[in-house]
Protein backbone atom coordinates (compact mmCIF):
# COMPACT_ATOMS: atom_id res chain seq x y z
CA MET A 1 119.54 -97.93 47.49
CA PRO A 2 122.30 -99.94 49.22
CA ARG A 3 124.79 -101.34 46.77
CA SER A 4 127.50 -103.96 46.77
CA SER A 5 130.82 -102.80 48.12
CA SER A 6 132.57 -104.13 45.02
CA SER A 7 131.55 -105.41 41.63
CA ASN A 8 133.68 -108.50 42.38
CA THR A 9 131.21 -109.54 45.06
CA MET A 10 128.34 -109.98 42.63
CA LEU A 11 127.86 -113.72 42.48
CA ASN A 12 125.84 -115.82 40.14
CA VAL A 13 125.93 -119.39 41.39
CA PRO A 14 124.07 -121.80 39.08
CA ALA A 15 123.31 -125.10 40.74
CA ASP A 16 124.45 -128.22 38.88
CA LEU A 17 121.15 -129.95 38.13
CA THR A 18 122.47 -132.24 35.42
CA PRO A 19 121.00 -135.75 35.81
CA THR A 20 123.56 -138.40 36.71
CA GLY A 21 121.79 -141.11 34.73
CA LEU A 22 118.68 -142.03 32.80
CA PRO A 23 115.41 -141.92 34.76
CA ASP A 24 113.83 -145.24 35.69
CA ASP A 25 110.08 -145.95 36.07
CA SER A 26 110.05 -144.84 39.74
CA HIS A 27 111.73 -141.56 38.80
CA ARG A 28 109.31 -140.84 35.97
CA GLU A 29 106.25 -141.84 37.99
CA PHE A 30 107.10 -139.60 40.92
CA GLY A 31 108.01 -136.69 38.66
CA ALA A 32 104.74 -136.99 36.75
CA ARG A 33 102.69 -137.19 39.94
CA VAL A 34 104.13 -134.13 41.64
CA THR A 35 104.03 -132.15 38.39
CA LEU A 36 100.38 -132.99 37.81
CA GLN A 37 99.58 -131.95 41.39
CA ARG A 38 101.18 -128.57 40.81
CA LEU A 39 99.43 -128.22 37.49
CA ALA A 40 96.09 -128.80 39.23
CA GLN A 41 96.93 -126.09 41.81
CA LEU A 42 97.72 -123.68 38.98
CA LYS A 43 94.46 -124.40 37.15
CA GLN A 44 92.51 -123.79 40.36
CA GLU A 45 93.74 -120.17 40.58
CA ILE A 46 93.17 -119.14 36.97
CA PRO A 47 89.46 -118.14 37.33
CA GLY A 48 90.17 -115.81 40.26
CA VAL A 49 92.92 -113.99 38.38
CA ARG A 50 90.77 -113.56 35.28
CA GLN A 51 87.92 -112.10 37.38
CA GLY A 52 90.32 -109.60 38.98
CA ARG A 53 88.46 -109.23 42.27
CA ASP A 54 90.90 -110.95 44.66
CA ILE A 55 94.46 -109.63 44.67
CA GLU A 56 95.60 -112.72 46.55
CA ALA A 57 94.59 -114.85 43.52
CA VAL A 58 97.46 -113.21 41.60
CA HIS A 59 99.85 -114.13 44.38
CA ARG A 60 98.60 -117.73 44.59
CA LEU A 61 98.78 -118.23 40.81
CA ARG A 62 102.29 -116.76 40.72
CA VAL A 63 103.44 -119.14 43.45
CA ALA A 64 101.72 -122.07 41.74
CA SER A 65 103.45 -121.23 38.47
CA ARG A 66 106.83 -121.12 40.20
CA ARG A 67 106.26 -124.49 41.85
CA LEU A 68 105.17 -125.96 38.53
CA ARG A 69 108.26 -124.58 36.82
CA THR A 70 110.41 -126.14 39.53
CA ALA A 71 108.89 -129.56 38.89
CA LEU A 72 109.22 -129.21 35.11
CA ARG A 73 112.85 -128.15 35.48
CA LEU A 74 113.95 -130.76 38.01
CA PHE A 75 112.32 -133.64 36.13
CA GLU A 76 112.85 -132.41 32.59
CA GLU A 77 114.72 -135.58 31.62
CA CYS A 78 111.42 -137.47 32.15
CA TRP A 79 109.34 -135.46 29.67
CA PRO A 80 108.93 -135.81 25.91
CA PRO A 81 111.84 -133.75 24.51
CA ARG A 82 109.64 -131.92 22.01
CA HIS A 83 107.31 -130.64 24.76
CA GLY A 84 109.34 -130.16 27.96
CA LYS A 85 111.01 -126.89 26.90
CA THR A 86 107.75 -125.53 25.50
CA TRP A 87 105.98 -126.19 28.81
CA GLN A 88 108.70 -124.42 30.80
CA ARG A 89 108.67 -121.43 28.45
CA GLU A 90 104.90 -120.96 28.62
CA ILE A 91 104.75 -121.20 32.41
CA ARG A 92 107.71 -118.83 32.76
CA ARG A 93 105.87 -116.24 30.68
CA VAL A 94 102.90 -116.44 33.04
CA THR A 95 105.16 -116.04 36.08
CA ARG A 96 106.75 -112.95 34.59
CA SER A 97 103.47 -111.34 33.59
CA LEU A 98 102.17 -111.80 37.15
CA GLY A 99 105.34 -110.43 38.73
CA ASP A 100 104.79 -106.73 38.05
CA ALA A 101 101.14 -106.97 39.08
CA ARG A 102 101.97 -108.71 42.34
CA ASP A 103 104.74 -106.23 43.11
CA ALA A 104 102.27 -103.36 42.61
CA ASP A 105 99.74 -105.08 44.87
CA VAL A 106 102.32 -105.49 47.63
CA GLN A 107 103.39 -101.86 47.35
CA ILE A 108 99.78 -100.65 47.55
CA LEU A 109 99.14 -102.75 50.66
CA PHE A 110 102.31 -101.44 52.26
CA VAL A 111 101.47 -97.75 51.63
CA GLU A 112 97.89 -98.29 52.82
CA ASP A 113 99.26 -99.71 56.07
CA GLN A 114 101.55 -96.70 56.50
CA VAL A 115 98.63 -94.32 55.95
CA ARG A 116 96.75 -96.06 58.79
CA ARG A 117 99.78 -95.71 61.06
CA CYS A 118 100.31 -92.04 60.27
CA ARG A 119 99.28 -89.57 62.99
CA GLU A 120 100.58 -86.31 61.50
CA PRO A 121 97.85 -84.43 59.59
CA ARG A 122 100.33 -83.14 56.97
CA PHE A 123 101.66 -86.54 55.93
CA PRO A 124 98.72 -88.30 54.22
CA ARG A 125 98.78 -85.89 51.26
CA GLY A 126 102.07 -87.26 49.94
CA LEU A 127 101.18 -90.88 50.77
CA ASN A 128 97.84 -90.61 49.03
CA ARG A 129 99.50 -89.22 45.90
CA LEU A 130 101.86 -92.20 45.96
CA LEU A 131 98.89 -94.53 46.34
CA LEU A 132 97.13 -92.89 43.41
CA ARG A 133 100.07 -93.48 41.06
CA LEU A 134 100.47 -97.09 42.24
CA ARG A 135 96.80 -97.86 41.70
CA GLN A 136 96.90 -96.30 38.24
CA ARG A 137 99.85 -98.48 37.32
CA ARG A 138 98.19 -101.61 38.74
CA SER A 139 95.07 -100.92 36.67
CA ASP A 140 97.18 -100.65 33.54
CA LEU A 141 98.81 -103.99 34.25
CA GLN A 142 95.57 -105.92 34.71
CA SER A 143 94.73 -106.28 31.02
CA ARG A 144 98.19 -107.74 30.30
CA VAL A 145 97.76 -110.22 33.13
CA VAL A 146 94.34 -111.33 31.91
CA LYS A 147 95.58 -111.79 28.34
CA ARG A 148 98.54 -113.91 29.38
CA VAL A 149 96.48 -116.09 31.72
CA ALA A 150 93.78 -116.50 29.05
CA ARG A 151 96.41 -117.63 26.57
CA LEU A 152 97.63 -120.22 29.03
CA ALA A 153 94.12 -121.45 29.84
CA GLU A 154 92.97 -121.66 26.22
CA GLY A 155 96.20 -122.31 24.32
CA GLY A 156 96.27 -126.06 24.80
CA VAL A 157 99.47 -126.32 26.87
CA ILE A 158 97.64 -127.39 30.03
CA ASP A 159 95.69 -130.06 28.16
CA GLN A 160 98.86 -131.29 26.50
CA MET A 161 100.67 -131.58 29.83
CA GLU A 162 97.81 -133.54 31.35
CA ARG A 163 97.59 -135.80 28.30
CA ASP A 164 101.33 -136.56 28.21
CA LEU A 165 101.98 -136.84 31.96
CA SER A 166 98.96 -138.83 33.13
CA PRO A 167 100.14 -142.14 31.60
CA LEU A 168 103.53 -141.70 33.33
CA ALA A 169 102.00 -141.08 36.76
CA GLY A 170 100.61 -144.57 37.26
CA ASP A 171 97.88 -145.15 39.83
CA PRO A 172 97.68 -142.00 42.03
CA GLY A 173 96.08 -144.05 44.82
CA LYS A 174 99.01 -146.45 44.99
CA PRO A 175 101.88 -145.54 47.36
CA HIS A 176 105.07 -144.63 45.56
CA ALA A 177 108.14 -146.80 46.19
CA PRO A 178 111.23 -144.69 45.46
CA SER A 179 114.08 -146.41 43.66
CA ARG A 180 117.75 -145.81 44.32
CA THR A 181 117.92 -143.83 41.09
CA LEU A 182 115.24 -141.45 42.38
CA GLY A 183 116.92 -141.26 45.78
CA VAL A 184 120.28 -140.35 44.25
CA ARG A 185 118.61 -137.72 42.04
CA ALA A 186 116.78 -136.17 45.03
CA GLU A 187 119.99 -136.03 47.07
CA GLY A 188 121.92 -134.43 44.21
CA LEU A 189 119.30 -131.78 43.58
CA ILE A 190 118.94 -130.90 47.29
CA GLN A 191 122.70 -130.69 47.74
CA ALA A 192 123.11 -128.51 44.65
CA ARG A 193 120.40 -126.06 45.79
CA LEU A 194 121.86 -125.96 49.30
CA GLU A 195 125.33 -125.12 48.01
CA GLU A 196 123.80 -122.38 45.88
CA LEU A 197 122.30 -120.81 49.03
CA LEU A 198 125.38 -121.21 51.22
CA ALA A 199 127.58 -119.53 48.57
CA TYR A 200 125.98 -116.22 49.65
CA GLU A 201 126.74 -116.67 53.35
CA PRO A 202 129.68 -114.22 53.27
CA PHE A 203 127.17 -111.41 52.59
CA VAL A 204 124.77 -112.18 55.45
CA ALA A 205 126.23 -109.57 57.81
CA ARG A 206 126.89 -107.00 55.06
CA PRO A 207 123.72 -104.91 54.70
CA ALA A 208 125.21 -102.80 51.87
CA CYS A 209 125.35 -105.85 49.56
CA ALA A 210 121.79 -105.46 48.32
CA VAL A 211 122.32 -107.40 45.09
CA GLU A 212 123.81 -110.43 46.82
CA LEU A 213 121.15 -110.48 49.53
CA HIS A 214 118.48 -110.39 46.85
CA ARG A 215 120.13 -113.32 45.05
CA MET A 216 120.38 -115.14 48.36
CA ARG A 217 116.60 -114.78 48.73
CA ILE A 218 116.15 -116.35 45.29
CA ALA A 219 118.48 -119.21 46.23
CA ALA A 220 116.51 -119.79 49.44
CA LYS A 221 113.29 -119.89 47.46
CA ARG A 222 114.73 -122.40 45.00
CA LEU A 223 115.91 -124.69 47.78
CA ARG A 224 112.55 -124.40 49.53
CA TYR A 225 110.62 -125.34 46.38
CA CYS A 226 112.99 -128.25 45.80
CA LEU A 227 112.41 -129.55 49.33
CA GLU A 228 108.65 -129.16 48.99
CA LEU A 229 108.85 -131.24 45.85
CA PHE A 230 110.69 -134.17 47.46
CA ASP A 231 109.22 -133.93 50.98
CA PRO A 232 106.65 -136.74 50.35
CA LEU A 233 109.56 -139.12 49.76
CA TYR A 234 111.04 -138.17 53.16
CA ASN A 235 107.69 -138.61 54.97
CA GLY A 236 107.45 -134.96 55.99
CA ARG A 237 110.90 -134.83 57.65
CA LEU A 238 111.86 -131.78 55.56
CA GLU A 239 109.04 -129.60 56.92
CA GLY A 240 111.18 -127.92 59.60
CA THR A 241 113.81 -126.89 57.05
CA ILE A 242 111.09 -125.71 54.68
CA ALA A 243 109.67 -123.48 57.43
CA ALA A 244 113.11 -122.03 58.17
CA LEU A 245 113.68 -121.29 54.49
CA LYS A 246 110.31 -119.57 54.33
CA GLN A 247 111.41 -117.31 57.19
CA ILE A 248 114.71 -116.54 55.45
CA GLN A 249 112.88 -115.80 52.23
CA ASP A 250 110.39 -113.50 53.97
CA LEU A 251 113.09 -111.50 55.80
CA LEU A 252 115.26 -111.11 52.70
CA GLY A 253 112.13 -110.30 50.67
CA LEU A 254 111.26 -107.44 53.03
CA ILE A 255 114.83 -106.14 52.80
CA HIS A 256 114.54 -106.19 48.99
CA ASP A 257 111.18 -104.42 49.14
CA CYS A 258 112.81 -101.63 51.14
CA ASP A 259 115.63 -101.45 48.58
CA VAL A 260 113.05 -101.10 45.80
CA TRP A 261 111.32 -98.27 47.71
CA GLN A 262 114.60 -96.45 48.24
CA ALA A 263 115.26 -96.59 44.52
CA LEU A 264 111.65 -95.74 43.51
CA LEU A 265 110.98 -92.72 45.74
CA PRO A 266 113.54 -90.33 44.17
CA ARG A 267 112.16 -91.14 40.69
CA PHE A 268 108.60 -90.68 41.91
CA LEU A 269 109.42 -87.30 43.44
CA SER A 270 111.16 -86.14 40.29
CA LYS A 271 108.14 -87.05 38.15
CA GLU A 272 105.71 -85.32 40.51
CA GLN A 273 107.83 -82.17 40.49
CA ARG A 274 107.78 -82.10 36.69
CA ARG A 275 104.00 -82.63 36.67
CA ALA A 276 103.50 -79.74 39.08
CA ARG A 277 105.69 -77.40 37.01
CA ASP A 278 104.02 -78.43 33.74
CA TYR A 279 100.47 -78.04 35.08
CA PHE A 280 100.73 -75.24 37.68
CA GLY A 281 103.88 -73.53 36.53
CA ASN A 282 105.51 -73.77 40.00
CA ASP A 283 106.61 -76.25 42.70
CA ARG A 284 104.14 -75.35 45.45
CA PRO A 285 101.78 -78.37 44.98
CA TYR A 286 104.81 -80.65 44.82
CA ARG A 287 106.28 -79.25 48.06
CA ARG A 288 103.08 -80.17 49.91
CA LEU A 289 103.83 -83.82 49.18
CA LEU A 290 107.29 -83.75 50.69
CA PRO A 291 106.56 -84.00 54.46
CA GLY A 292 104.66 -87.28 54.16
CA LEU A 293 107.03 -88.83 51.64
CA THR A 294 110.09 -87.82 53.70
CA TRP A 295 108.49 -89.46 56.73
CA PHE A 296 107.74 -92.55 54.64
CA GLU A 297 111.32 -92.77 53.36
CA ARG A 298 112.69 -92.59 56.92
CA ARG A 299 110.37 -95.40 58.00
CA VAL A 300 111.48 -97.58 55.07
CA GLY A 301 115.13 -97.07 56.05
CA ALA A 302 114.45 -97.93 59.67
CA LEU A 303 112.49 -101.02 58.62
CA ARG A 304 115.34 -102.25 56.44
CA HIS A 305 117.86 -101.79 59.26
CA ARG A 306 115.64 -103.63 61.74
CA THR A 307 114.81 -106.46 59.34
CA HIS A 308 118.43 -107.03 58.43
CA GLY A 309 119.23 -107.41 62.13
CA GLU A 310 116.46 -110.00 62.44
CA PHE A 311 117.78 -111.85 59.41
CA VAL A 312 121.35 -112.00 60.76
CA ALA A 313 120.07 -113.34 64.06
CA PHE A 314 117.87 -115.96 62.41
CA TRP A 315 120.67 -117.08 60.09
CA GLY A 316 122.88 -117.56 63.13
CA SER A 317 120.21 -119.74 64.70
CA THR A 318 120.27 -122.09 61.72
CA HIS A 319 123.96 -122.76 62.34
CA ARG A 320 123.50 -123.18 66.10
CA GLY A 321 120.80 -125.74 65.31
CA ARG A 322 123.05 -127.42 62.69
CA LEU A 323 120.18 -127.11 60.25
CA TRP A 324 122.23 -127.40 57.08
CA GLN A 325 124.32 -130.34 58.32
CA LYS A 326 121.11 -132.17 59.23
CA LEU A 327 119.67 -131.43 55.78
CA ARG A 328 122.74 -132.91 54.08
CA ARG A 329 122.45 -136.14 56.09
CA MET A 330 118.71 -136.37 55.53
CA ALA A 331 119.05 -135.77 51.79
CA GLY A 332 121.28 -138.81 51.49
CA SER A 333 119.11 -141.07 53.63
CA LEU A 334 116.66 -141.79 50.81
CA ALA A 335 119.30 -143.21 48.48
CA ARG A 336 120.69 -145.37 51.30
CA GLN A 337 117.29 -146.82 52.15
CA SER A 338 115.96 -147.30 48.60
CA GLU A 339 116.21 -150.54 46.74
CA PRO A 340 118.57 -150.54 43.79
CA VAL A 341 116.95 -150.88 40.42
CA LYS A 342 117.16 -154.46 39.24
CA THR A 343 118.38 -154.86 35.71
CA PRO A 344 117.96 -158.10 33.80
CA PRO A 345 121.10 -160.14 33.28
CA PRO A 346 122.73 -159.86 29.89
CA PRO A 347 121.75 -162.56 27.38
CA PRO A 348 124.14 -165.50 27.14
CA LYS A 349 126.73 -165.19 24.47
CA THR A 350 126.20 -167.35 21.43
CA PRO A 351 129.17 -169.66 21.02
CA VAL A 352 131.20 -168.87 17.95
CA THR A 353 131.53 -171.82 15.59
CA PRO A 354 134.75 -171.77 13.57
CA SER A 355 134.04 -171.36 9.93
CA LYS A 356 135.11 -174.09 7.59
CA THR A 357 137.62 -173.09 5.03
């Protein structure tokens, strides 16, 4: 697996998401509306995951949980203090439980595709053994996924969120008028997420920096979810940047998948060799797996090299198109156009009457 050239290059760039002031009614209303929308999307995917027949249901629920966590995090100052952290914790647990299952699904689909592309009669034996182990692992994970999703569905957290957030959301059919407070908050969050992404730019052309490229993918995902959250306030003007971030996330995600394969295959081969020796007393069954898995490993390496080249080229196109400069300007446009929040004048001071002595 490619590694960073130096431990000093391993960044961890937390975005500053601290609110600059107390939320006003516009801020709370918008936050409640978008959070309830994402909660509804999450609820919609729960039955499919519990049934276990559609692997894409796991992916959709995982994405929905991430989007809901983003809303809960970015508007946490709007929620009841006793509940906000609990909501984030419960949704995070669901996201994590779905992660291993989704990763196994993606790996199975990838190997199945390679089997279809294989033309050498000796190669499928090793690939099919890899598929067998992946499917066994995925089957073991399903019960854990179902238990965690059932706990979410039946544990009362969803009902509590709906009960607490619905009064804050106002009339869903009424257009939302953003205040200056909300505009300033949106600009600050977008700028912070953008700076988090751009901090990893020095590693774009360095394919050996696998850790940093993976973290860059996470930063791109966070910025994308943030833009999706606020896009209604910008009347859809963030959609082009969202699409570009999706492309960045996909390319970096494929690079990371290749890194995972390059780390997984040696461990897989070692385990299969031990199984063959324990069961047959020799390596001959294991050696029959090697041609296909060696071919597979070479294809993964070539795919990573090709995908990194595509990523470098696409990243360059974002600078030629001044994408990030345009995003900065657009992020600030909402605060400039929004009406400032009107605060009542202070009460008149009561004149002080000198006391008689």
